[in-house]
């Protein structure tokens, strides 16, 4: 079990350090509905990670048998190549010196989000965002390939979700505990993550991609 959780750490930390969700939750926490919308966003985020992980493990478990290890090995290689491609795309689209990083259009009105919309946005960023979806798929494939029993698989999914949610949930808890005193440090984090989004994601994607390709080759 400890070895599996150790294998999950890189992907979980990559999810936790994804700049766009962090920027999004900080913007929500600066809105008039900071408490309710922030909690809803965090709940949607956690639900998205859990849902994708559970679906992949069930499907992979149902298809296990002869050739199962090879199938998961090829899946990891494919995800590793995908991460390398995403890193290249991020590199090509990075802001040049002196340019401001372009923000997604949905961020313009996120500070007006209702709790329901915030929950849907949190779920979308964890379950439908291509980078986070691929990271979660990689983690779920690792769990499915580990040979754990069902109870230990649940614990592994919970550990991955907890680590992957530490930034989003941590920001919400910080805002709930500190109130408006949290606004300044959260805004500083938002600016840093927005400014260095490309560099962070390129490094994360390359490291995770290389690890997945290596793990996939070893599983064949």
Protein backbone atom coordinates (compact mmCIF):
# COMPACT_ATOMS: atom_id res chain seq x y z
CA UNK A 1 0.00 0.00 0.00
CA UNK A 2 2.74 2.47 0.93
CA UNK A 3 4.51 1.76 -2.34
CA UNK A 4 1.35 2.45 -4.33
CA UNK A 5 0.73 5.74 -2.56
CA UNK A 6 4.35 6.66 -3.24
CA UNK A 7 3.79 5.92 -6.93
CA UNK A 8 0.69 8.15 -6.87
CA UNK A 9 2.48 11.13 -5.32
CA UNK A 10 3.86 12.67 -8.55
CA UNK A 11 0.49 12.69 -10.30
CA UNK A 12 -1.35 13.84 -7.17
CA UNK A 13 1.08 16.71 -6.59
CA UNK A 14 0.84 17.67 -10.26
CA UNK A 15 -2.95 17.91 -9.91
CA UNK A 16 -2.58 19.95 -6.71
CA UNK A 17 -0.12 22.36 -8.34
CA UNK A 18 -2.19 22.93 -11.48
CA UNK A 19 -2.31 26.75 -11.68
CA UNK A 20 -5.72 27.28 -13.33
CA UNK A 21 -7.84 25.68 -10.55
CA UNK A 22 -5.83 27.55 -7.92
CA UNK A 23 -6.41 30.85 -9.71
CA UNK A 24 -10.09 29.96 -10.08
CA UNK A 25 -10.68 29.13 -6.43
CA UNK A 26 -8.86 32.27 -5.27
CA UNK A 27 -11.06 34.41 -7.53
CA UNK A 28 -14.15 32.73 -6.08
CA UNK A 29 -12.87 33.27 -2.55
CA UNK A 30 -12.60 36.98 -3.31
CA UNK A 31 -16.25 37.17 -4.38
CA UNK A 32 -19.28 38.24 -2.31
CA UNK A 33 -20.27 34.56 -2.01
CA UNK A 34 -16.81 33.46 -0.94
CA UNK A 35 -17.90 31.00 1.74
CA UNK A 36 -20.73 29.16 -0.01
CA UNK A 37 -19.26 29.29 -3.52
CA UNK A 38 -15.78 28.36 -2.27
CA UNK A 39 -17.05 25.30 -0.42
CA UNK A 40 -19.14 24.33 -3.48
CA UNK A 41 -16.12 24.67 -5.79
CA UNK A 42 -14.00 22.48 -3.49
CA UNK A 43 -16.79 19.91 -3.27
CA UNK A 44 -17.13 19.76 -7.05
CA UNK A 45 -13.36 19.44 -7.43
CA UNK A 46 -13.18 16.49 -5.01
CA UNK A 47 -16.21 14.81 -6.60
CA UNK A 48 -14.65 15.08 -10.06
CA UNK A 49 -11.40 13.44 -8.98
CA UNK A 50 -13.25 10.64 -7.18
CA UNK A 51 -15.60 9.98 -10.10
CA UNK A 52 -12.89 9.69 -12.76
CA UNK A 53 -10.69 7.51 -10.53
CA UNK A 54 -13.55 5.17 -9.66
CA UNK A 55 -14.69 4.77 -13.29
CA UNK A 56 -11.19 3.97 -14.55
CA UNK A 57 -10.51 1.44 -11.78
CA UNK A 58 -13.84 -0.33 -12.35
CA UNK A 59 -13.29 -0.50 -16.12
CA UNK A 60 -9.66 -1.60 -15.78
CA UNK A 61 -10.62 -4.17 -13.15
CA UNK A 62 -13.38 -5.53 -15.33
CA UNK A 63 -10.97 -5.94 -18.21
CA UNK A 64 -8.16 -7.49 -16.21
CA UNK A 65 -6.91 -10.93 -17.04
CA UNK A 66 -4.55 -12.17 -19.68
CA UNK A 67 -2.94 -9.22 -21.36
CA UNK A 68 -4.16 -6.89 -18.62
CA UNK A 69 -0.66 -5.85 -17.59
CA UNK A 70 0.29 -5.16 -21.20
CA UNK A 71 -2.87 -3.11 -21.68
CA UNK A 72 -2.17 -0.93 -18.65
CA UNK A 73 1.47 -0.64 -19.72
CA UNK A 74 0.45 0.67 -23.12
CA UNK A 75 -2.07 3.01 -21.46
CA UNK A 76 0.71 4.51 -19.34
CA UNK A 77 2.94 4.92 -22.38
CA UNK A 78 0.11 6.60 -24.29
CA UNK A 79 -0.55 8.96 -21.39
CA UNK A 80 3.17 9.72 -21.12
CA UNK A 81 3.31 10.64 -24.81
CA UNK A 82 0.16 12.75 -24.33
CA UNK A 83 1.85 14.65 -21.49
CA UNK A 84 4.90 15.27 -23.66
CA UNK A 85 2.62 16.65 -26.36
CA UNK A 86 0.78 18.86 -23.88
CA UNK A 87 4.13 20.17 -22.61
CA UNK A 88 5.14 21.03 -26.18
CA UNK A 89 1.81 22.78 -26.75
CA UNK A 90 2.25 24.73 -23.51
CA UNK A 91 5.77 25.74 -24.60
CA UNK A 92 4.55 27.02 -27.97
CA UNK A 93 1.74 28.99 -26.35
CA UNK A 94 3.79 30.45 -23.51
CA UNK A 95 3.74 34.26 -23.15
CA UNK A 96 6.84 35.98 -24.50
CA UNK A 97 8.91 38.31 -22.28
CA UNK A 98 6.86 41.39 -21.47
CA UNK A 99 3.56 39.73 -22.44
CA UNK A 100 0.81 39.01 -19.95
CA UNK A 101 -0.46 35.45 -19.69
CA UNK A 102 -3.87 35.12 -21.31
CA UNK A 103 -6.57 33.97 -18.90
CA UNK A 104 -9.50 31.70 -19.83
CA UNK A 105 -12.70 33.56 -20.74
CA UNK A 106 -14.67 31.98 -17.89
CA UNK A 107 -12.50 33.75 -15.32
CA UNK A 108 -13.97 37.13 -16.27
CA UNK A 109 -17.25 36.39 -14.48
CA UNK A 110 -16.19 33.77 -11.97
CA UNK A 111 -16.45 36.21 -9.06
CA UNK A 112 -20.21 36.30 -9.70
CA UNK A 113 -20.62 32.53 -9.69
CA UNK A 114 -23.45 30.99 -7.69
CA UNK A 115 -22.65 27.98 -5.47
CA UNK A 116 -24.21 25.66 -8.08
CA UNK A 117 -22.09 27.09 -10.89
CA UNK A 118 -19.00 27.02 -8.67
CA UNK A 119 -19.58 23.31 -7.94
CA UNK A 120 -19.96 22.53 -11.64
CA UNK A 121 -16.82 24.52 -12.43
CA UNK A 122 -14.84 22.68 -9.76
CA UNK A 123 -15.98 19.33 -11.13
CA UNK A 124 -15.18 20.38 -14.71
CA UNK A 125 -11.67 21.56 -13.83
CA UNK A 126 -10.84 18.29 -12.08
CA UNK A 127 -12.68 15.80 -14.29
CA UNK A 128 -12.87 17.43 -17.73
CA UNK A 129 -9.75 19.61 -17.91
CA UNK A 130 -7.45 17.66 -20.28
CA UNK A 131 -4.32 17.94 -18.14
CA UNK A 132 -5.98 16.99 -14.86
CA UNK A 133 -8.06 14.29 -16.54
CA UNK A 134 -4.91 12.70 -17.95
CA UNK A 135 -3.17 12.90 -14.57
CA UNK A 136 -6.15 11.27 -12.85
CA UNK A 137 -6.30 8.57 -15.52
CA UNK A 138 -2.61 7.87 -14.94
CA UNK A 139 -3.13 7.61 -11.17
CA UNK A 140 -6.16 5.37 -11.55
CA UNK A 141 -4.25 3.12 -13.96
CA UNK A 142 -1.49 2.82 -11.37
CA UNK A 143 -4.02 1.80 -8.71
CA UNK A 144 -5.73 -0.68 -11.05
CA UNK A 145 -2.34 -2.22 -11.91
CA UNK A 146 -1.23 -2.52 -8.28
CA UNK A 147 -3.05 -5.74 -7.37
CA UNK A 148 -4.64 -4.18 -4.28
CA UNK A 149 -7.91 -5.55 -2.94
CA UNK A 150 -11.05 -3.41 -3.14
CA UNK A 151 -10.65 -1.91 0.33
CA UNK A 152 -7.07 -0.85 -0.30
CA UNK A 153 -8.06 0.56 -3.71
CA UNK A 154 -10.58 2.80 -1.95
CA UNK A 155 -7.86 3.99 0.43
CA UNK A 156 -5.49 4.64 -2.49
CA UNK A 157 -8.13 6.67 -4.35
CA UNK A 158 -8.87 8.63 -1.17
CA UNK A 159 -5.15 9.35 -0.70
CA UNK A 160 -4.76 10.51 -4.31
CA UNK A 161 -7.84 12.72 -4.01
CA UNK A 162 -6.72 14.20 -0.69
CA UNK A 163 -3.24 15.06 -2.00
CA UNK A 164 -4.60 16.33 -5.32
CA UNK A 165 -7.09 18.55 -3.48
CA UNK A 166 -4.71 20.02 -0.92
CA UNK A 167 -4.30 23.35 -2.74
CA UNK A 168 -7.97 23.93 -3.59
CA UNK A 169 -9.41 22.66 -0.31
CA UNK A 170 -6.56 24.27 1.65
CA UNK A 171 -7.31 27.67 0.12
CA UNK A 172 -11.00 27.34 1.02
CA UNK A 173 -10.24 26.28 4.59
CA UNK A 174 -7.74 29.13 4.96
CA UNK A 175 -10.36 31.64 3.79
CA UNK A 176 -13.01 30.19 6.12
CA UNK A 177 -10.65 30.30 9.09
CA UNK A 178 -8.96 33.66 8.49
CA UNK A 179 -11.77 35.57 6.81
CA UNK A 180 -10.77 38.71 4.94
CA UNK A 181 -7.25 38.51 6.38
CA UNK A 182 -6.66 35.68 3.92
CA UNK A 183 -7.38 37.89 0.90
CA UNK A 184 -3.90 39.39 0.54
CA UNK A 185 -1.86 36.15 0.71
CA UNK A 186 -4.36 34.36 -1.53
CA UNK A 187 -4.15 37.16 -4.08
CA UNK A 188 -0.34 36.93 -4.01
CA UNK A 189 -0.60 33.20 -4.73
CA UNK A 190 -3.08 33.87 -7.55
CA UNK A 191 -0.75 36.36 -9.23
CA UNK A 192 2.24 34.03 -8.94
CA UNK A 193 0.37 31.03 -10.35
CA UNK A 194 -1.13 33.06 -13.20
CA UNK A 195 2.23 34.57 -14.12
CA UNK A 196 4.14 31.29 -14.02
CA UNK A 197 1.39 28.99 -15.30
CA UNK A 198 3.29 27.92 -18.43
CA UNK A 199 6.60 27.22 -16.68
CA UNK A 200 4.94 25.21 -13.90
CA UNK A 201 2.87 23.10 -16.26
CA UNK A 202 5.73 22.44 -18.71
CA UNK A 203 7.93 21.12 -15.89
CA UNK A 204 5.14 19.05 -14.35
CA UNK A 205 4.02 17.54 -17.66
CA UNK A 206 7.54 16.59 -18.74
CA UNK A 207 8.38 14.92 -15.42
CA UNK A 208 5.10 13.00 -15.22
CA UNK A 209 5.29 12.06 -18.91
CA UNK A 210 8.79 10.63 -18.56
CA UNK A 211 7.79 8.66 -15.46
CA UNK A 212 4.70 7.21 -17.13
CA UNK A 213 6.60 6.15 -20.24
CA UNK A 214 9.22 4.47 -18.06
CA UNK A 215 6.58 2.72 -15.92
CA UNK A 216 4.70 1.64 -19.03
CA UNK A 217 7.79 0.13 -20.65
CA UNK A 218 8.60 -1.69 -17.40
CA UNK A 219 5.08 -3.19 -17.32
CA UNK A 220 5.28 -4.69 -20.83
